[in-house]
Amino acid sequence: MKALIIFAHPREESFSHALLDTVTKALQAKNYQVTVRDLYAMNFNPILQGKDAIHIEDGQFVREQEDFPDEIKLEQQLMLASDLYIYIFPIWWNGMPAIMKGYIDRVFQHGFAYSFDDPAVRDQFLGKRALFLTPTGQPQLIDGEENPLSVAIKTVTSGWLFNSNGVEVIDHIFYGRVPYLTRAELEDYLEDTRQIINKL
């Protein structure tokens, strides 16, 4: 089995990096082949250029540059070669970091991640699964209920990203109040992550 981790956080001392390390080791212990795409370390260019952007002409989706850039082809090939996708990123301003959003904009293009007229696009993702792990400063629960901001964030990230292809979203886990917790409490989060990976 092959796992592809898409990671976004600029600080190596962050809890997000601790999550990345925990997930990588837990997957390797289960004999997964793990590929990590650390977007900040890669200096990934998140800017979608006009020539690569989809638009409509005469009722058809087209782009000026018909072929994807080489660096985007690589990311797409890694996705197709993998069985499991894991996205690790913090929640900033109630959304994903800009570099992660740019990765989505550039990689999840029409004709690759979705298509309105070619079922083969959907079928190439059948059997693949995805897991989202997102640290945040917000509480996970408010008055005993799931934080409504978390619900909204799920809707526009994990709830939307794969709705046009065959990827199964396993879960979207929020780790709340991260900046305010002790090391022992953060270790509880990491143990929770290990258990999630062990149950895959």
Protein backbone atom coordinates (compact mmCIF):
# COMPACT_ATOMS: atom_id res chain seq x y z
CA MET A 1 0.00 0.00 0.00
CA LYS A 2 1.16 3.51 -0.80
CA ALA A 3 0.34 6.60 1.24
CA LEU A 4 0.72 10.18 0.05
CA ILE A 5 0.92 12.86 2.74
CA ILE A 6 0.30 16.47 1.70
CA PHE A 7 1.62 18.71 4.44
CA ALA A 8 1.58 22.46 5.02
CA HIS A 9 3.18 24.27 7.95
CA PRO A 10 6.26 26.52 7.80
CA ARG A 11 7.61 25.85 11.34
CA GLU A 12 9.42 22.59 12.13
CA GLU A 13 8.66 23.14 15.84
CA SER A 14 4.92 23.13 15.23
CA PHE A 15 2.41 20.58 16.44
CA SER A 16 1.56 20.03 12.79
CA HIS A 17 5.12 18.78 12.23
CA ALA A 18 4.74 16.48 15.23
CA LEU A 19 1.57 15.15 13.60
CA LEU A 20 3.44 14.60 10.35
CA ASP A 21 6.19 12.67 12.13
CA THR A 22 3.67 10.58 14.08
CA VAL A 23 1.60 9.74 11.00
CA THR A 24 4.66 8.87 8.90
CA LYS A 25 6.07 6.49 11.51
CA ALA A 26 2.69 4.87 12.18
CA LEU A 27 2.14 4.25 8.48
CA GLN A 28 5.64 2.84 8.02
CA ALA A 29 5.01 0.50 10.96
CA LYS A 30 2.05 -0.83 8.95
CA ASN A 31 4.34 -1.36 5.94
CA TYR A 32 2.96 1.52 3.90
CA GLN A 33 5.27 3.12 1.37
CA VAL A 34 5.05 6.76 2.42
CA THR A 35 5.65 9.81 0.24
CA VAL A 36 5.58 13.21 1.96
CA ARG A 37 4.97 16.38 -0.01
CA ASP A 38 5.97 19.17 2.39
CA LEU A 39 4.72 22.18 0.46
CA TYR A 40 6.77 24.78 2.33
CA ALA A 41 9.97 22.71 2.13
CA MET A 42 9.31 22.23 -1.60
CA ASN A 43 8.72 25.97 -2.01
CA PHE A 44 5.62 24.94 -3.93
CA ASN A 45 4.29 27.70 -6.17
CA PRO A 46 0.61 28.10 -5.20
CA ILE A 47 -0.29 30.62 -7.90
CA LEU A 48 -2.58 29.40 -10.66
CA GLN A 49 -1.61 31.25 -13.83
CA GLY A 50 -4.21 32.46 -16.31
CA LYS A 51 -3.02 30.12 -19.06
CA ASP A 52 -3.58 27.14 -16.75
CA ALA A 53 -6.98 28.26 -15.46
CA ILE A 54 -10.13 26.59 -16.68
CA HIS A 55 -12.76 28.70 -18.40
CA ILE A 56 -15.73 28.19 -20.68
CA GLU A 57 -15.85 28.83 -24.42
CA ASP A 58 -18.89 27.83 -26.49
CA GLY A 59 -20.21 25.85 -23.55
CA GLN A 60 -17.02 23.77 -23.19
CA PHE A 61 -14.37 23.76 -20.46
CA VAL A 62 -11.02 24.79 -21.95
CA ARG A 63 -7.65 26.14 -20.84
CA GLU A 64 -5.15 28.11 -22.87
CA GLN A 65 -2.34 25.74 -21.85
CA GLU A 66 -3.84 22.36 -22.68
CA ASP A 67 -1.11 20.31 -20.97
CA PHE A 68 -0.43 20.58 -17.24
CA PRO A 69 2.94 22.00 -16.10
CA ASP A 70 5.56 19.34 -15.35
CA GLU A 71 5.56 20.05 -11.61
CA ILE A 72 1.79 19.56 -11.53
CA LYS A 73 1.99 16.36 -13.56
CA LEU A 74 4.33 14.98 -10.89
CA GLU A 75 1.83 15.71 -8.12
CA GLN A 76 -0.98 14.14 -10.14
CA GLN A 77 1.11 11.04 -10.87
CA LEU A 78 1.84 10.65 -7.17
CA MET A 79 -1.87 10.82 -6.43
CA LEU A 80 -2.75 8.18 -9.00
CA ALA A 81 0.03 5.89 -7.72
CA SER A 82 -1.16 6.13 -4.10
CA ASP A 83 -3.90 4.28 -2.23
CA LEU A 84 -4.26 6.64 0.73
CA TYR A 85 -4.10 10.44 0.91
CA ILE A 86 -3.49 12.22 4.21
CA TYR A 87 -3.78 16.01 4.41
CA ILE A 88 -2.18 17.71 7.41
CA PHE A 89 -2.56 21.46 7.72
CA PRO A 90 -3.49 24.00 10.42
CA ILE A 91 -6.63 26.09 10.32
CA TRP A 92 -5.75 29.76 9.83
CA TRP A 93 -8.48 32.38 9.51
CA ASN A 94 -11.04 29.55 9.36
CA GLY A 95 -9.40 27.95 6.34
CA MET A 96 -6.37 26.10 5.06
CA PRO A 97 -3.01 27.84 4.56
CA ALA A 98 -2.73 29.67 1.24
CA ILE A 99 -0.04 27.29 -0.01
CA MET A 100 -2.37 24.32 0.51
CA LYS A 101 -5.24 26.12 -1.22
CA GLY A 102 -2.90 26.89 -4.11
CA TYR A 103 -1.91 23.23 -4.28
CA ILE A 104 -5.60 22.33 -4.61
CA ASP A 105 -6.16 25.04 -7.24
CA ARG A 106 -3.26 23.82 -9.39
CA VAL A 107 -3.39 20.04 -8.91
CA PHE A 108 -7.13 19.33 -8.65
CA GLN A 109 -7.82 20.51 -12.17
CA HIS A 110 -10.70 19.72 -14.48
CA GLY A 111 -9.75 16.67 -16.51
CA PHE A 112 -7.73 15.24 -13.66
CA ALA A 113 -9.60 15.46 -10.36
CA TYR A 114 -13.05 15.93 -11.84
CA SER A 115 -14.90 15.97 -15.13
CA PHE A 116 -18.49 16.59 -16.10
CA ASP A 117 -18.33 14.43 -19.21
CA ASP A 118 -15.62 11.77 -18.79
CA PRO A 119 -16.41 8.99 -16.27
CA ALA A 120 -12.85 7.67 -16.57
CA VAL A 121 -11.69 10.65 -14.52
CA ARG A 122 -13.84 9.54 -11.59
CA ASP A 123 -13.03 5.87 -12.04
CA GLN A 124 -9.26 6.40 -11.75
CA PHE A 125 -9.80 7.33 -8.08
CA LEU A 126 -12.05 4.41 -7.15
CA GLY A 127 -10.77 2.52 -4.11
CA LYS A 128 -8.61 5.39 -2.90
CA ARG A 129 -9.18 6.90 0.54
CA ALA A 130 -8.41 10.23 2.24
CA LEU A 131 -7.93 11.42 5.82
CA PHE A 132 -7.71 15.04 7.00
CA LEU A 133 -5.90 16.08 10.21
CA THR A 134 -6.19 19.76 11.08
CA PRO A 135 -4.86 21.43 14.24
CA THR A 136 -6.62 24.63 15.24
CA GLY A 137 -6.68 27.15 18.05
CA GLN A 138 -10.45 26.94 18.29
CA PRO A 139 -12.19 24.51 20.67
CA GLN A 140 -13.44 21.27 19.17
CA LEU A 141 -16.70 21.46 21.08
CA ILE A 142 -18.94 24.37 22.08
CA ASP A 143 -21.64 23.63 24.64
CA GLY A 144 -21.11 19.94 23.98
CA GLU A 145 -21.70 20.26 20.25
CA GLU A 146 -19.22 20.25 17.39
CA ASN A 147 -17.86 23.73 16.77
CA PRO A 148 -19.99 25.20 13.93
CA LEU A 149 -16.84 26.68 12.38
CA SER A 150 -15.40 23.16 12.15
CA VAL A 151 -18.57 22.00 10.43
CA ALA A 152 -18.28 24.80 7.89
CA ILE A 153 -14.58 24.13 7.30
CA LYS A 154 -15.30 20.44 6.70
CA THR A 155 -17.97 21.34 4.19
CA VAL A 156 -15.61 23.39 2.01
CA THR A 157 -12.53 21.14 2.40
CA SER A 158 -12.91 17.41 3.00
CA GLY A 159 -16.62 17.49 2.26
CA TRP A 160 -16.14 19.10 -1.15
CA LEU A 161 -12.70 18.15 -2.42
CA PHE A 162 -13.56 14.61 -3.52
CA ASN A 163 -17.27 14.92 -4.24
CA SER A 164 -16.67 14.57 -7.99
CA ASN A 165 -14.49 11.47 -7.98
CA GLY A 166 -14.34 8.07 -6.33
CA VAL A 167 -12.18 8.86 -3.27
CA GLU A 168 -13.66 7.81 0.09
CA VAL A 169 -13.07 10.36 2.85
CA ILE A 170 -12.38 8.35 6.01
CA ASP A 171 -12.63 11.27 8.41
CA HIS A 172 -11.69 14.87 9.08
CA ILE A 173 -10.19 15.22 12.56
CA PHE A 174 -9.84 18.58 14.27
CA TYR A 175 -7.35 18.93 17.13
CA GLY A 176 -8.59 21.97 19.02
CA ARG A 177 -7.00 24.59 21.27
CA VAL A 178 -3.51 23.45 20.26
CA PRO A 179 -1.64 26.67 21.25
CA TYR A 180 -3.12 26.54 24.76
CA LEU A 181 -2.43 22.91 25.68
CA THR A 182 0.37 21.32 27.67
CA ARG A 183 2.87 18.91 26.15
CA ALA A 184 1.08 16.05 27.89
CA GLU A 185 -2.25 17.09 26.38
CA LEU A 186 -0.68 17.40 22.93
CA GLU A 187 0.81 13.93 23.37
CA ASP A 188 -2.73 12.66 23.95
CA TYR A 189 -3.62 14.08 20.53
CA LEU A 190 -0.63 12.32 18.97
CA GLU A 191 -1.64 9.04 20.59
CA ASP A 192 -5.12 9.52 19.16
CA THR A 193 -3.53 9.94 15.74
CA ARG A 194 -1.51 6.74 16.15
CA GLN A 195 -4.68 4.85 16.99
CA ILE A 196 -6.47 6.27 13.94
CA ILE A 197 -3.64 5.16 11.67
CA ASN A 198 -3.42 1.74 13.35
CA LYS A 199 -7.10 1.15 12.62
CA LEU A 200 -6.84 1.89 8.92
